[in-house]
Amino acid sequence: MDNEIIDLTKINMDNTISNLEKRFTSVRAGRANPSSLDGVSAEYYGVSTPLKQLATISVPEANQLLIKPFDKGCLADIEKAIIAANLGYNPSNDGETIRIVIPALTEERRKELAKQVKAIAEDAKVSVRNNRHEALQMIEKEEFPEDIEKSLQNQVQDLVNSYNKKIEEMLKIKEQELMTI
């Protein structure tokens, strides 16, 4: 049972890291990236639908996104959703597709994005701490002998330290990417 607790905690922390990676990719770094539109949903027949399900998103040039909807009737809704998402994009609609030219990031916007990335990393650290709390509760509930309980608590803390270190490294890399012109 003791290894199960550690394994479950590892799985939960791995999920936190993969979630962090996904959230980091949604923060743009001056290059066109279709995943920057992952959180955008448009109204389609009265239902909020993710953009991925309404259109194909491609990158024809390094600083450009091209959105080609499956149903041209939802073009205006997609455009509104992109503007409402407040990503700093200015979509242009040509009646068939939506083209987004990714503007170069200003220094101010880079700093703003760096703050956003720090907040995302802090959320991940909170998640890791919550995982630790859950693991410690499971350990306490099992009523292990004192020496085994202490050993398990130390293992959980070692996991927390290593995952926090991973989060810090990922944050440092993403901040560097954002601040590089």
N, C-alpha and C. Protein backbone atom coordinates (compact mmCIF):
# COMPACT_ATOMS: atom_id res chain seq x y z
N MET A 1 0.82 -1.20 0.00
CA MET A 1 0.00 0.00 0.00
C MET A 1 0.86 1.26 0.00
N ASP A 2 2.01 1.18 0.66
CA ASP A 2 2.85 2.38 0.76
C ASP A 2 3.36 2.82 -0.60
N ASN A 3 3.76 1.87 -1.47
CA ASN A 3 4.22 2.24 -2.80
C ASN A 3 3.08 2.76 -3.67
N GLU A 4 1.87 2.27 -3.43
CA GLU A 4 0.72 2.74 -4.18
C GLU A 4 0.48 4.23 -3.94
N ILE A 5 0.66 4.65 -2.71
CA ILE A 5 0.46 6.07 -2.37
C ILE A 5 1.49 6.92 -3.12
N ILE A 6 2.74 6.49 -3.09
CA ILE A 6 3.81 7.23 -3.79
C ILE A 6 3.55 7.24 -5.29
N ASP A 7 3.16 6.07 -5.85
CA ASP A 7 2.90 5.99 -7.29
C ASP A 7 1.73 6.89 -7.69
N LEU A 8 0.68 6.88 -6.90
CA LEU A 8 -0.48 7.72 -7.19
C LEU A 8 -0.10 9.20 -7.12
N THR A 9 0.71 9.55 -6.15
CA THR A 9 1.16 10.93 -6.01
C THR A 9 2.00 11.34 -7.21
N LYS A 10 2.88 10.43 -7.66
CA LYS A 10 3.69 10.70 -8.86
C LYS A 10 2.82 10.94 -10.07
N ILE A 11 1.81 10.09 -10.24
CA ILE A 11 0.90 10.23 -11.39
C ILE A 11 0.20 11.58 -11.34
N ASN A 12 -0.29 11.96 -10.18
CA ASN A 12 -0.97 13.25 -10.03
C ASN A 12 -0.03 14.41 -10.34
N MET A 13 1.21 14.30 -9.89
CA MET A 13 2.18 15.38 -10.15
C MET A 13 2.60 15.40 -11.61
N ASP A 14 2.69 14.23 -12.25
CA ASP A 14 2.96 14.19 -13.70
C ASP A 14 1.83 14.86 -14.47
N ASN A 15 0.60 14.63 -14.03
CA ASN A 15 -0.55 15.29 -14.66
C ASN A 15 -0.45 16.80 -14.50
N THR A 16 0.01 17.24 -13.36
CA THR A 16 0.19 18.68 -13.13
C THR A 16 1.21 19.25 -14.11
N ILE A 17 2.32 18.53 -14.30
CA ILE A 17 3.36 18.98 -15.23
C ILE A 17 2.84 19.02 -16.66
N SER A 18 2.10 17.99 -17.08
CA SER A 18 1.59 17.99 -18.45
C SER A 18 0.56 19.10 -18.64
N ASN A 19 -0.24 19.38 -17.62
CA ASN A 19 -1.19 20.49 -17.68
C ASN A 19 -0.44 21.82 -17.79
N LEU A 20 0.65 21.94 -17.05
CA LEU A 20 1.47 23.15 -17.11
C LEU A 20 2.03 23.34 -18.52
N GLU A 21 2.52 22.26 -19.12
CA GLU A 21 3.05 22.35 -20.49
C GLU A 21 1.98 22.84 -21.45
N LYS A 22 0.77 22.29 -21.33
CA LYS A 22 -0.33 22.72 -22.20
C LYS A 22 -0.64 24.20 -22.00
N ARG A 23 -0.69 24.61 -20.74
CA ARG A 23 -1.00 26.01 -20.47
C ARG A 23 0.10 26.94 -20.95
N PHE A 24 1.35 26.49 -20.86
CA PHE A 24 2.46 27.31 -21.36
C PHE A 24 2.40 27.46 -22.87
N THR A 25 2.00 26.41 -23.59
CA THR A 25 1.94 26.52 -25.05
C THR A 25 0.86 27.49 -25.50
N SER A 26 -0.15 27.69 -24.66
CA SER A 26 -1.21 28.63 -25.04
C SER A 26 -0.75 30.09 -24.89
N VAL A 27 0.36 30.32 -24.21
CA VAL A 27 0.90 31.67 -24.08
C VAL A 27 1.84 31.89 -25.25
N ARG A 28 1.49 32.82 -26.10
CA ARG A 28 2.26 33.00 -27.32
C ARG A 28 3.59 33.71 -27.07
N ALA A 29 4.54 33.43 -27.93
CA ALA A 29 5.86 34.04 -27.77
C ALA A 29 6.28 34.76 -29.04
N GLY A 30 5.32 35.40 -29.73
CA GLY A 30 5.65 36.17 -30.91
C GLY A 30 5.63 35.36 -32.20
N ARG A 31 5.48 34.06 -32.10
CA ARG A 31 5.40 33.21 -33.28
C ARG A 31 3.98 32.67 -33.38
N ALA A 32 3.55 32.37 -34.59
CA ALA A 32 2.22 31.81 -34.79
C ALA A 32 2.19 30.39 -34.24
N ASN A 33 1.20 30.11 -33.42
CA ASN A 33 1.05 28.78 -32.84
C ASN A 33 -0.45 28.49 -32.73
N PRO A 34 -0.93 27.48 -33.47
CA PRO A 34 -2.37 27.17 -33.42
C PRO A 34 -2.89 26.89 -32.01
N SER A 35 -2.04 26.38 -31.14
CA SER A 35 -2.50 26.07 -29.78
C SER A 35 -2.81 27.34 -28.98
N SER A 36 -2.39 28.51 -29.46
CA SER A 36 -2.73 29.74 -28.76
C SER A 36 -4.24 30.02 -28.82
N LEU A 37 -4.93 29.33 -29.73
CA LEU A 37 -6.38 29.49 -29.85
C LEU A 37 -7.15 28.36 -29.17
N ASP A 38 -6.45 27.51 -28.43
CA ASP A 38 -7.10 26.35 -27.79
C ASP A 38 -8.22 26.73 -26.85
N GLY A 39 -8.09 27.82 -26.16
CA GLY A 39 -9.10 28.20 -25.18
C GLY A 39 -10.26 28.98 -25.77
N VAL A 40 -10.24 29.21 -27.08
CA VAL A 40 -11.27 30.02 -27.72
C VAL A 40 -12.46 29.15 -28.12
N SER A 41 -13.65 29.57 -27.72
CA SER A 41 -14.89 28.89 -28.11
C SER A 41 -15.83 29.90 -28.74
N ALA A 42 -16.49 29.47 -29.81
CA ALA A 42 -17.43 30.35 -30.51
C ALA A 42 -18.85 29.79 -30.39
N GLU A 43 -19.82 30.68 -30.45
CA GLU A 43 -21.23 30.25 -30.45
C GLU A 43 -21.54 29.63 -31.80
N TYR A 44 -22.04 28.41 -31.78
CA TYR A 44 -22.41 27.72 -33.02
C TYR A 44 -23.77 27.08 -32.79
N TYR A 45 -24.79 27.62 -33.41
CA TYR A 45 -26.16 27.19 -33.19
C TYR A 45 -26.52 27.20 -31.71
N GLY A 46 -26.13 28.26 -31.02
CA GLY A 46 -26.49 28.44 -29.62
C GLY A 46 -25.64 27.67 -28.63
N VAL A 47 -24.63 26.94 -29.12
CA VAL A 47 -23.79 26.14 -28.23
C VAL A 47 -22.35 26.67 -28.32
N SER A 48 -21.72 26.85 -27.17
CA SER A 48 -20.33 27.27 -27.14
C SER A 48 -19.45 26.09 -27.57
N THR A 49 -18.78 26.23 -28.71
CA THR A 49 -18.03 25.14 -29.32
C THR A 49 -16.57 25.54 -29.48
N PRO A 50 -15.62 24.67 -29.09
CA PRO A 50 -14.20 24.99 -29.27
C PRO A 50 -13.87 25.24 -30.74
N LEU A 51 -12.97 26.18 -30.98
CA LEU A 51 -12.59 26.57 -32.32
C LEU A 51 -12.07 25.39 -33.15
N LYS A 52 -11.35 24.48 -32.49
CA LYS A 52 -10.80 23.31 -33.18
C LYS A 52 -11.89 22.49 -33.86
N GLN A 53 -13.10 22.48 -33.27
CA GLN A 53 -14.20 21.69 -33.82
C GLN A 53 -14.96 22.43 -34.91
N LEU A 54 -14.69 23.71 -35.07
CA LEU A 54 -15.39 24.50 -36.07
C LEU A 54 -14.55 24.79 -37.32
N ALA A 55 -13.23 24.64 -37.21
CA ALA A 55 -12.37 25.06 -38.31
C ALA A 55 -11.01 24.38 -38.25
N THR A 56 -10.32 24.44 -39.38
CA THR A 56 -8.92 24.01 -39.38
C THR A 56 -8.07 25.25 -39.15
N ILE A 57 -7.05 25.10 -38.36
CA ILE A 57 -6.16 26.22 -38.04
C ILE A 57 -4.78 25.85 -38.55
N SER A 58 -4.25 26.67 -39.46
CA SER A 58 -2.93 26.38 -40.02
C SER A 58 -2.00 27.58 -39.87
N VAL A 59 -0.74 27.35 -40.13
CA VAL A 59 0.29 28.39 -40.04
C VAL A 59 0.95 28.54 -41.41
N PRO A 60 0.39 29.42 -42.28
CA PRO A 60 0.98 29.57 -43.61
C PRO A 60 2.34 30.29 -43.59
N GLU A 61 2.54 31.16 -42.62
CA GLU A 61 3.81 31.87 -42.44
C GLU A 61 4.14 31.89 -40.96
N ALA A 62 5.37 32.22 -40.63
CA ALA A 62 5.82 32.17 -39.23
C ALA A 62 5.03 33.08 -38.32
N ASN A 63 4.51 34.19 -38.86
CA ASN A 63 3.79 35.14 -38.00
C ASN A 63 2.32 35.25 -38.38
N GLN A 64 1.75 34.14 -38.90
CA GLN A 64 0.38 34.21 -39.37
C GLN A 64 -0.40 32.92 -39.09
N LEU A 65 -1.65 33.07 -38.69
CA LEU A 65 -2.56 31.94 -38.52
C LEU A 65 -3.67 32.06 -39.55
N LEU A 66 -4.07 30.92 -40.12
CA LEU A 66 -5.16 30.90 -41.08
C LEU A 66 -6.23 29.96 -40.54
N ILE A 67 -7.44 30.48 -40.39
CA ILE A 67 -8.56 29.70 -39.85
C ILE A 67 -9.58 29.52 -40.97
N LYS A 68 -9.80 28.27 -41.33
CA LYS A 68 -10.75 27.94 -42.40
C LYS A 68 -11.90 27.14 -41.79
N PRO A 69 -13.06 27.78 -41.60
CA PRO A 69 -14.19 27.08 -40.96
C PRO A 69 -14.79 26.01 -41.87
N PHE A 70 -15.33 24.98 -41.24
CA PHE A 70 -16.00 23.93 -42.00
C PHE A 70 -17.33 24.46 -42.55
N ASP A 71 -17.96 25.34 -41.80
CA ASP A 71 -19.22 25.95 -42.20
C ASP A 71 -18.99 27.46 -42.25
N LYS A 72 -19.07 28.04 -43.46
CA LYS A 72 -18.78 29.47 -43.62
C LYS A 72 -19.78 30.36 -42.86
N GLY A 73 -20.91 29.79 -42.48
CA GLY A 73 -21.92 30.55 -41.75
C GLY A 73 -21.47 30.97 -40.36
N CYS A 74 -20.46 30.30 -39.83
CA CYS A 74 -20.01 30.64 -38.48
C CYS A 74 -18.76 31.52 -38.48
N LEU A 75 -18.40 32.04 -39.65
CA LEU A 75 -17.20 32.88 -39.78
C LEU A 75 -17.25 34.10 -38.85
N ALA A 76 -18.38 34.81 -38.85
CA ALA A 76 -18.49 36.01 -38.01
C ALA A 76 -18.43 35.65 -36.53
N ASP A 77 -19.04 34.52 -36.15
CA ASP A 77 -19.01 34.09 -34.75
C ASP A 77 -17.60 33.75 -34.31
N ILE A 78 -16.84 33.11 -35.19
CA ILE A 78 -15.45 32.77 -34.87
C ILE A 78 -14.64 34.05 -34.68
N GLU A 79 -14.85 35.00 -35.58
CA GLU A 79 -14.13 36.27 -35.49
C GLU A 79 -14.44 36.98 -34.17
N LYS A 80 -15.72 37.01 -33.80
CA LYS A 80 -16.12 37.64 -32.53
C LYS A 80 -15.47 36.93 -31.34
N ALA A 81 -15.44 35.60 -31.39
CA ALA A 81 -14.87 34.83 -30.29
C ALA A 81 -13.38 35.11 -30.13
N ILE A 82 -12.67 35.26 -31.24
CA ILE A 82 -11.23 35.53 -31.18
C ILE A 82 -10.99 36.91 -30.57
N ILE A 83 -11.80 37.87 -30.97
CA ILE A 83 -11.66 39.23 -30.41
C ILE A 83 -12.01 39.20 -28.92
N ALA A 84 -13.08 38.50 -28.56
CA ALA A 84 -13.53 38.44 -27.17
C ALA A 84 -12.53 37.71 -26.27
N ALA A 85 -11.73 36.81 -26.85
CA ALA A 85 -10.75 36.05 -26.06
C ALA A 85 -9.62 36.94 -25.55
N ASN A 86 -9.49 38.15 -26.10
CA ASN A 86 -8.51 39.13 -25.64
C ASN A 86 -7.09 38.58 -25.68
N LEU A 87 -6.72 38.00 -26.82
CA LEU A 87 -5.38 37.45 -26.99
C LEU A 87 -4.42 38.45 -27.64
N GLY A 88 -4.94 39.63 -27.96
CA GLY A 88 -4.11 40.62 -28.62
C GLY A 88 -4.08 40.41 -30.12
N TYR A 89 -5.00 39.59 -30.63
CA TYR A 89 -5.06 39.31 -32.07
C TYR A 89 -6.10 40.21 -32.72
N ASN A 90 -5.82 40.57 -33.98
CA ASN A 90 -6.77 41.36 -34.76
C ASN A 90 -7.11 40.54 -36.01
N PRO A 91 -8.17 39.73 -35.95
CA PRO A 91 -8.51 38.86 -37.08
C PRO A 91 -9.07 39.64 -38.27
N SER A 92 -8.71 39.21 -39.48
CA SER A 92 -9.29 39.82 -40.67
C SER A 92 -10.04 38.73 -41.43
N ASN A 93 -11.28 39.02 -41.76
CA ASN A 93 -12.21 38.09 -42.37
C ASN A 93 -12.32 38.43 -43.86
N ASP A 94 -12.03 37.47 -44.74
CA ASP A 94 -12.15 37.72 -46.17
C ASP A 94 -13.37 37.04 -46.80
N GLY A 95 -14.30 36.57 -45.95
CA GLY A 95 -15.50 35.92 -46.44
C GLY A 95 -15.37 34.40 -46.55
N GLU A 96 -14.14 33.91 -46.64
CA GLU A 96 -13.89 32.46 -46.74
C GLU A 96 -13.08 31.96 -45.54
N THR A 97 -12.10 32.78 -45.14
CA THR A 97 -11.20 32.40 -44.05
C THR A 97 -10.98 33.60 -43.14
N ILE A 98 -10.37 33.31 -42.01
CA ILE A 98 -9.95 34.38 -41.09
C ILE A 98 -8.43 34.29 -41.02
N ARG A 99 -7.80 35.42 -41.26
CA ARG A 99 -6.35 35.48 -41.22
C ARG A 99 -5.96 36.34 -40.02
N ILE A 100 -5.01 35.83 -39.24
CA ILE A 100 -4.52 36.58 -38.08
C ILE A 100 -3.03 36.78 -38.25
N VAL A 101 -2.63 38.03 -38.35
CA VAL A 101 -1.20 38.34 -38.39
C VAL A 101 -0.78 38.58 -36.94
N ILE A 102 0.18 37.78 -36.50
CA ILE A 102 0.64 37.87 -35.11
C ILE A 102 1.56 39.09 -35.00
N PRO A 103 1.14 40.07 -34.21
CA PRO A 103 1.98 41.26 -34.08
C PRO A 103 3.24 40.94 -33.26
N ALA A 104 4.30 41.66 -33.58
CA ALA A 104 5.52 41.52 -32.78
C ALA A 104 5.20 41.98 -31.36
N LEU A 105 5.77 41.29 -30.39
CA LEU A 105 5.48 41.63 -29.00
C LEU A 105 6.27 42.87 -28.58
N THR A 106 5.57 43.78 -27.93
CA THR A 106 6.25 44.93 -27.36
C THR A 106 6.88 44.50 -26.04
N GLU A 107 7.79 45.31 -25.54
CA GLU A 107 8.44 45.02 -24.26
C GLU A 107 7.41 44.92 -23.15
N GLU A 108 6.44 45.83 -23.18
CA GLU A 108 5.39 45.85 -22.16
C GLU A 108 4.57 44.55 -22.21
N ARG A 109 4.21 44.12 -23.43
CA ARG A 109 3.42 42.89 -23.59
C ARG A 109 4.23 41.67 -23.16
N ARG A 110 5.53 41.69 -23.44
CA ARG A 110 6.40 40.57 -23.03
C ARG A 110 6.41 40.44 -21.50
N LYS A 111 6.52 41.58 -20.82
CA LYS A 111 6.51 41.57 -19.35
C LYS A 111 5.16 41.09 -18.81
N GLU A 112 4.09 41.51 -19.48
CA GLU A 112 2.75 41.09 -19.09
C GLU A 112 2.61 39.57 -19.24
N LEU A 113 3.11 39.05 -20.36
CA LEU A 113 3.05 37.60 -20.59
C LEU A 113 3.93 36.85 -19.59
N ALA A 114 5.07 37.43 -19.23
CA ALA A 114 5.95 36.80 -18.25
C ALA A 114 5.24 36.70 -16.89
N LYS A 115 4.49 37.75 -16.53
CA LYS A 115 3.71 37.70 -15.28
C LYS A 115 2.65 36.61 -15.36
N GLN A 116 2.02 36.51 -16.52
CA GLN A 116 0.98 35.50 -16.73
C GLN A 116 1.58 34.09 -16.59
N VAL A 117 2.76 33.90 -17.14
CA VAL A 117 3.43 32.61 -17.07
C VAL A 117 3.81 32.28 -15.62
N LYS A 118 4.26 33.29 -14.88
CA LYS A 118 4.58 33.07 -13.46
C LYS A 118 3.35 32.65 -12.68
N ALA A 119 2.21 33.26 -12.99
CA ALA A 119 0.96 32.90 -12.31
C ALA A 119 0.56 31.46 -12.64
N ILE A 120 0.76 31.06 -13.88
CA ILE A 120 0.46 29.68 -14.29
C ILE A 120 1.36 28.71 -13.55
N ALA A 121 2.65 29.06 -13.45
CA ALA A 121 3.60 28.20 -12.73
C ALA A 121 3.24 28.13 -11.25
N GLU A 122 2.80 29.23 -10.69
CA GLU A 122 2.40 29.22 -9.27
C GLU A 122 1.18 28.33 -9.06
N ASP A 123 0.25 28.35 -10.02
CA ASP A 123 -0.91 27.44 -9.95
C ASP A 123 -0.45 25.99 -9.93
N ALA A 124 0.57 25.69 -10.74
CA ALA A 124 1.09 24.32 -10.79
C ALA A 124 1.72 23.95 -9.44
N LYS A 125 2.43 24.89 -8.84
CA LYS A 125 3.04 24.62 -7.53
C LYS A 125 1.97 24.37 -6.46
N VAL A 126 0.88 25.13 -6.55
CA VAL A 126 -0.23 24.94 -5.61
C VAL A 126 -0.81 23.54 -5.81
N SER A 127 -0.93 23.13 -7.06
CA SER A 127 -1.44 21.79 -7.35
C SER A 127 -0.53 20.71 -6.78
N VAL A 128 0.78 20.92 -6.89
CA VAL A 128 1.74 19.97 -6.32
C VAL A 128 1.59 19.91 -4.80
N ARG A 129 1.41 21.08 -4.18
CA ARG A 129 1.22 21.10 -2.72
C ARG A 129 -0.07 20.39 -2.32
N ASN A 130 -1.11 20.57 -3.14
CA ASN A 130 -2.37 19.87 -2.87
C ASN A 130 -2.18 18.36 -2.99
N ASN A 131 -1.39 17.94 -3.97
CA ASN A 131 -1.09 16.51 -4.12
C ASN A 131 -0.35 15.99 -2.89
N ARG A 132 0.57 16.80 -2.38
CA ARG A 132 1.31 16.42 -1.17
C ARG A 132 0.34 16.26 -0.01
N HIS A 133 -0.55 17.21 0.13
CA HIS A 133 -1.52 17.18 1.22
C HIS A 133 -2.37 15.90 1.14
N GLU A 134 -2.84 15.58 -0.05
CA GLU A 134 -3.65 14.36 -0.23
C GLU A 134 -2.84 13.12 0.12
N ALA A 135 -1.58 13.09 -0.32
CA ALA A 135 -0.73 11.92 -0.04
C ALA A 135 -0.50 11.77 1.46
N LEU A 136 -0.23 12.88 2.12
CA LEU A 136 0.00 12.82 3.57
C LEU A 136 -1.26 12.37 4.31
N GLN A 137 -2.41 12.78 3.81
CA GLN A 137 -3.66 12.33 4.43
C GLN A 137 -3.85 10.82 4.24
N MET A 138 -3.52 10.33 3.03
CA MET A 138 -3.64 8.88 2.78
C MET A 138 -2.68 8.10 3.69
N ILE A 139 -1.46 8.63 3.85
CA ILE A 139 -0.47 7.97 4.70
C ILE A 139 -0.98 7.91 6.14
N GLU A 140 -1.51 9.04 6.61
CA GLU A 140 -2.02 9.11 7.98
C GLU A 140 -3.20 8.15 8.18
N LYS A 141 -4.06 8.07 7.18
CA LYS A 141 -5.25 7.24 7.27
C LYS A 141 -4.90 5.74 7.35
N GLU A 142 -3.82 5.35 6.71
CA GLU A 142 -3.43 3.94 6.68
C GLU A 142 -2.86 3.45 8.01
N GLU A 143 -2.46 4.36 8.87
CA GLU A 143 -1.90 4.02 10.18
C GLU A 143 -0.72 3.06 10.09
N PHE A 144 0.30 3.51 9.35
CA PHE A 144 1.55 2.74 9.25
C PHE A 144 2.32 2.86 10.56
N PRO A 145 3.28 1.97 10.78
CA PRO A 145 4.20 2.17 11.91
C PRO A 145 4.92 3.52 11.74
N GLU A 146 5.31 4.09 12.85
CA GLU A 146 5.86 5.45 12.83
C GLU A 146 7.05 5.61 11.89
N ASP A 147 7.99 4.64 11.87
CA ASP A 147 9.17 4.77 11.02
C ASP A 147 8.81 4.70 9.54
N ILE A 148 7.86 3.85 9.17
CA ILE A 148 7.44 3.75 7.77
C ILE A 148 6.68 5.03 7.37
N GLU A 149 5.85 5.51 8.27
CA GLU A 149 5.09 6.75 8.00
C GLU A 149 6.05 7.91 7.74
N LYS A 150 7.08 8.01 8.58
CA LYS A 150 8.06 9.09 8.42
C LYS A 150 8.80 8.95 7.09
N SER A 151 9.17 7.71 6.74
CA SER A 151 9.85 7.45 5.48
C SER A 151 8.98 7.85 4.29
N LEU A 152 7.70 7.49 4.35
CA LEU A 152 6.78 7.84 3.26
C LEU A 152 6.59 9.37 3.16
N GLN A 153 6.50 10.01 4.31
CA GLN A 153 6.36 11.47 4.30
C GLN A 153 7.59 12.12 3.65
N ASN A 154 8.77 11.58 3.96
CA ASN A 154 10.00 12.10 3.35
C ASN A 154 10.02 11.86 1.84
N GLN A 155 9.55 10.68 1.41
CA GLN A 155 9.48 10.39 -0.02
C GLN A 155 8.55 11.36 -0.74
N VAL A 156 7.42 11.63 -0.11
CA VAL A 156 6.46 12.57 -0.70
C VAL A 156 7.08 13.97 -0.79
N GLN A 157 7.78 14.38 0.25
CA GLN A 157 8.41 15.70 0.24
C GLN A 157 9.51 15.76 -0.83
N ASP A 158 10.26 14.67 -1.00
CA ASP A 158 11.27 14.63 -2.07
C ASP A 158 10.62 14.78 -3.44
N LEU A 159 9.47 14.14 -3.61
CA LEU A 159 8.72 14.29 -4.87
C LEU A 159 8.32 15.74 -5.08
N VAL A 160 7.78 16.34 -4.04
CA VAL A 160 7.35 17.74 -4.13
C VAL A 160 8.53 18.62 -4.53
N ASN A 161 9.68 18.42 -3.89
CA ASN A 161 10.86 19.22 -4.20
C ASN A 161 11.29 19.04 -5.66
N SER A 162 11.29 17.79 -6.14
CA SER A 162 11.74 17.55 -7.52
C SER A 162 10.75 18.14 -8.53
N TYR A 163 9.45 18.04 -8.26
CA TYR A 163 8.48 18.59 -9.19
C TYR A 163 8.47 20.11 -9.15
N ASN A 164 8.68 20.70 -8.00
CA ASN A 164 8.80 22.15 -7.93
C ASN A 164 10.01 22.63 -8.71
N LYS A 165 11.08 21.85 -8.66
CA LYS A 165 12.29 22.20 -9.42
C LYS A 165 12.00 22.13 -10.93
N LYS A 166 11.26 21.09 -11.36
CA LYS A 166 10.87 20.98 -12.77
C LYS A 166 10.05 22.19 -13.20
N ILE A 167 9.11 22.58 -12.33
CA ILE A 167 8.25 23.73 -12.65
C ILE A 167 9.10 24.99 -12.79
N GLU A 168 10.04 25.19 -11.89
CA GLU A 168 10.92 26.36 -11.97
C GLU A 168 11.74 26.36 -13.26
N GLU A 169 12.26 25.19 -13.64
CA GLU A 169 13.04 25.09 -14.89
C GLU A 169 12.17 25.41 -16.10
N MET A 170 10.95 24.87 -16.11
CA MET A 170 10.04 25.15 -17.22
C MET A 170 9.69 26.63 -17.27
N LEU A 171 9.50 27.24 -16.11
CA LEU A 171 9.19 28.66 -16.04
C LEU A 171 10.36 29.49 -16.59
N LYS A 172 11.55 29.13 -16.19
CA LYS A 172 12.73 29.86 -16.64
C LYS A 172 12.87 29.79 -18.17
N ILE A 173 12.63 28.61 -18.74
CA ILE A 173 12.72 28.42 -20.19
C ILE A 173 11.66 29.25 -20.90
N LYS A 174 10.43 29.22 -20.39
CA LYS A 174 9.33 29.96 -21.02
C LYS A 174 9.56 31.47 -20.91
N GLU A 175 10.05 31.93 -19.76
CA GLU A 175 10.33 33.36 -19.61
C GLU A 175 11.42 33.80 -20.59
N GLN A 176 12.44 32.95 -20.73
CA GLN A 176 13.51 33.26 -21.69
C GLN A 176 12.96 33.36 -23.11
N GLU A 177 12.09 32.40 -23.44
CA GLU A 177 11.46 32.40 -24.77
C GLU A 177 10.65 33.68 -24.99
N LEU A 178 9.92 34.10 -23.97
CA LEU A 178 9.10 35.31 -24.09
C LEU A 178 9.94 36.56 -24.21
N MET A 179 11.02 36.62 -23.49
CA MET A 179 11.82 37.84 -23.45
C MET A 179 12.81 37.94 -24.62
N THR A 180 12.98 36.86 -25.38
CA THR A 180 13.88 36.88 -26.53
C THR A 180 13.16 37.55 -27.70
N ILE A 181 13.82 38.51 -28.27
CA ILE A 181 13.21 39.27 -29.37
C ILE A 181 13.42 38.55 -30.68
